């Protein structure tokens, strides 16, 4: 009775050990990249095939932009809280709500402007083709229109056949 348990435990240990070795060997390059560059930017070095000089400049740009982004995010969050308080106390759009909405829109504009400045600076630190690809990717990820998801899907009458009685 001891022998089947021993075989099962030994098989389990060997299987787990094999998995551990395989996992460690297959993820070694990625873990090394993250340790060398930091997890926030490891993807950009690999995706855009950056040399160490270009990547170092991008790291510096990233570190300089982080506090700017944090301040903008804090200001937007504060304005959203203010708007939330006003909305909780109202049943109509008041002049005060309109004012806060305008201020929130202005903050979002400032934030997007700073973000675009950062994207352009990062793209200039890359080889030209990679910089263009980076800008196109960042545009799709951050500024592409998304309001169409909120609209009801109304079929185009011209494309549908009339169904008669």
Protein backbone atom coordinates (compact mmCIF):
# COMPACT_ATOMS: atom_id res chain seq x y z
CA UNK A 1 0.00 0.00 0.00
CA UNK A 2 2.94 2.36 0.57
CA UNK A 3 4.31 1.90 -2.91
CA UNK A 4 1.42 3.56 -4.90
CA UNK A 5 1.53 6.59 -2.59
CA UNK A 6 5.28 6.84 -2.94
CA UNK A 7 5.01 6.70 -6.74
CA UNK A 8 2.24 9.35 -6.73
CA UNK A 9 4.18 11.71 -4.46
CA UNK A 10 7.40 11.19 -6.43
CA UNK A 11 5.53 11.86 -9.71
CA UNK A 12 4.00 15.01 -8.28
CA UNK A 13 7.38 16.27 -7.05
CA UNK A 14 9.02 15.52 -10.41
CA UNK A 15 6.16 17.21 -12.30
CA UNK A 16 6.30 20.34 -10.15
CA UNK A 17 10.08 20.46 -10.41
CA UNK A 18 9.91 20.13 -14.19
CA UNK A 19 7.33 22.91 -14.37
CA UNK A 20 9.49 25.17 -12.19
CA UNK A 21 12.59 24.63 -14.32
CA UNK A 22 10.65 25.16 -17.56
CA UNK A 23 8.93 28.29 -16.22
CA UNK A 24 12.21 29.77 -14.97
CA UNK A 25 14.00 29.12 -18.25
CA UNK A 26 11.19 30.49 -20.45
CA UNK A 27 10.73 33.70 -18.42
CA UNK A 28 14.40 34.41 -17.70
CA UNK A 29 14.85 36.92 -20.52
CA UNK A 30 11.75 38.89 -19.55
CA UNK A 31 12.66 38.89 -15.86
CA UNK A 32 16.19 40.06 -16.70
CA UNK A 33 14.79 42.90 -18.83
CA UNK A 34 12.45 43.99 -16.03
CA UNK A 35 15.26 43.95 -13.49
CA UNK A 36 17.57 45.93 -15.77
CA UNK A 37 15.07 48.53 -16.98
CA UNK A 38 12.28 48.55 -14.42
CA UNK A 39 8.90 46.95 -15.00
CA UNK A 40 7.20 50.17 -16.12
CA UNK A 41 9.35 50.54 -19.23
CA UNK A 42 10.53 47.02 -20.01
CA UNK A 43 7.87 46.68 -22.70
CA UNK A 44 8.95 49.80 -24.57
CA UNK A 45 12.59 48.73 -24.88
CA UNK A 46 11.57 45.36 -26.24
CA UNK A 47 8.64 46.43 -28.43
CA UNK A 48 10.49 49.29 -30.12
CA UNK A 49 13.90 47.55 -30.16
CA UNK A 50 15.69 50.42 -28.46
CA UNK A 51 19.42 50.55 -27.88
CA UNK A 52 20.70 51.41 -24.42
CA UNK A 53 21.38 55.08 -25.26
CA UNK A 54 17.88 55.72 -26.63
CA UNK A 55 16.32 53.78 -23.79
CA UNK A 56 18.25 55.75 -21.15
CA UNK A 57 16.91 59.00 -22.62
CA UNK A 58 13.36 57.61 -22.57
CA UNK A 59 13.79 56.57 -18.93
CA UNK A 60 14.82 60.14 -18.08
CA UNK A 61 11.82 61.55 -19.95
CA UNK A 62 9.54 59.11 -18.14
CA UNK A 63 10.92 60.06 -14.71
CA UNK A 64 10.52 63.77 -15.51
CA UNK A 65 6.92 63.27 -16.67
CA UNK A 66 5.72 61.17 -13.71
CA UNK A 67 5.34 64.12 -11.28
CA UNK A 68 3.58 66.21 -13.96
CA UNK A 69 1.14 63.36 -14.55
CA UNK A 70 0.59 62.82 -10.82
CA UNK A 71 -0.28 66.50 -10.28
CA UNK A 72 -2.70 66.50 -13.21
CA UNK A 73 -4.38 63.31 -12.00
CA UNK A 74 -4.75 64.72 -8.49
CA UNK A 75 -6.30 67.95 -9.82
CA UNK A 76 -8.72 66.04 -12.05
CA UNK A 77 -9.71 63.75 -9.16
CA UNK A 78 -10.36 66.77 -6.93
CA UNK A 79 -12.51 68.41 -9.60
CA UNK A 80 -14.44 65.15 -10.11
CA UNK A 81 -15.12 64.98 -6.37
CA UNK A 82 -16.35 68.56 -6.38
CA UNK A 83 -18.64 67.77 -9.31
CA UNK A 84 -19.87 64.64 -7.54
CA UNK A 85 -20.81 66.67 -4.45
CA UNK A 86 -22.72 69.16 -6.57
CA UNK A 87 -24.55 66.45 -8.48
CA UNK A 88 -25.56 64.73 -5.25
CA UNK A 89 -27.29 67.92 -4.09
CA UNK A 90 -29.02 68.86 -7.33
CA UNK A 91 -31.74 67.65 -9.66
CA UNK A 92 -30.90 70.09 -12.46
CA UNK A 93 -27.86 71.48 -14.22
CA UNK A 94 -27.07 74.61 -12.26
CA UNK A 95 -24.70 77.44 -13.20
CA UNK A 96 -22.32 76.10 -10.56
CA UNK A 97 -22.38 72.62 -12.13
CA UNK A 98 -21.77 74.17 -15.55
CA UNK A 99 -18.82 76.10 -14.13
CA UNK A 100 -17.27 72.98 -12.58
CA UNK A 101 -17.86 71.00 -15.80
CA UNK A 102 -16.01 73.71 -17.71
CA UNK A 103 -13.14 73.63 -15.21
CA UNK A 104 -12.99 69.82 -15.47
CA UNK A 105 -12.88 70.03 -19.26
CA UNK A 106 -10.07 72.59 -19.04
CA UNK A 107 -8.10 70.28 -16.74
CA UNK A 108 -8.57 67.34 -19.12
CA UNK A 109 -7.35 69.53 -21.99
CA UNK A 110 -4.26 70.54 -20.01
CA UNK A 111 -3.63 66.91 -19.09
CA UNK A 112 -3.93 65.72 -22.69
CA UNK A 113 -1.64 68.52 -23.86
CA UNK A 114 1.05 67.54 -21.35
CA UNK A 115 0.61 63.88 -22.26
CA UNK A 116 1.01 64.65 -25.97
CA UNK A 117 4.14 66.71 -25.29
CA UNK A 118 5.54 63.68 -23.46
CA UNK A 119 4.61 61.29 -26.28
CA UNK A 120 6.27 63.55 -28.85
CA UNK A 121 9.43 63.85 -26.73
CA UNK A 122 9.58 60.06 -26.31
CA UNK A 123 9.04 59.51 -30.04
CA UNK A 124 11.92 61.91 -30.84
CA UNK A 125 14.20 59.85 -28.59
CA UNK A 126 13.56 56.78 -30.78
CA UNK A 127 14.74 55.96 -34.28
CA UNK A 128 12.35 57.78 -36.68
CA UNK A 129 10.36 54.73 -37.86
CA UNK A 130 9.96 53.42 -34.32
CA UNK A 131 8.97 56.91 -33.14
CA UNK A 132 6.18 57.07 -35.74
CA UNK A 133 4.99 53.61 -34.73
CA UNK A 134 5.08 54.63 -31.04
CA UNK A 135 3.01 57.76 -31.71
CA UNK A 136 0.43 55.81 -33.70
CA UNK A 137 0.17 53.21 -30.94
CA UNK A 138 -0.13 55.83 -28.18
CA UNK A 139 -2.80 57.66 -30.15
CA UNK A 140 -4.88 54.49 -30.46
CA UNK A 141 -4.41 53.70 -26.77
CA UNK A 142 -5.06 57.12 -25.28
CA UNK A 143 -6.84 59.51 -27.63
CA UNK A 144 -8.89 57.37 -30.01
CA UNK A 145 -12.59 58.22 -29.90
CA UNK A 146 -14.66 55.94 -27.72
CA UNK A 147 -18.06 57.63 -27.61
CA UNK A 148 -19.39 55.46 -30.42
CA UNK A 149 -19.67 52.64 -27.89
CA UNK A 150 -22.30 54.66 -26.05
CA UNK A 151 -24.54 55.28 -29.07
CA UNK A 152 -27.42 52.94 -29.83
CA UNK A 153 -26.82 50.79 -32.87
CA UNK A 154 -29.47 51.90 -35.37
CA UNK A 155 -29.52 49.93 -38.59
CA UNK A 156 -29.22 51.95 -41.75
CA UNK A 157 -32.62 51.87 -43.44
CA UNK A 158 -31.10 51.98 -46.91
CA UNK A 159 -29.30 48.69 -46.36
CA UNK A 160 -32.30 46.75 -45.12
CA UNK A 161 -35.01 45.37 -47.31
CA UNK A 162 -38.53 46.35 -46.56
CA UNK A 163 -40.52 43.62 -45.06
CA UNK A 164 -44.05 43.68 -46.31
CA UNK A 165 -47.20 42.16 -44.91
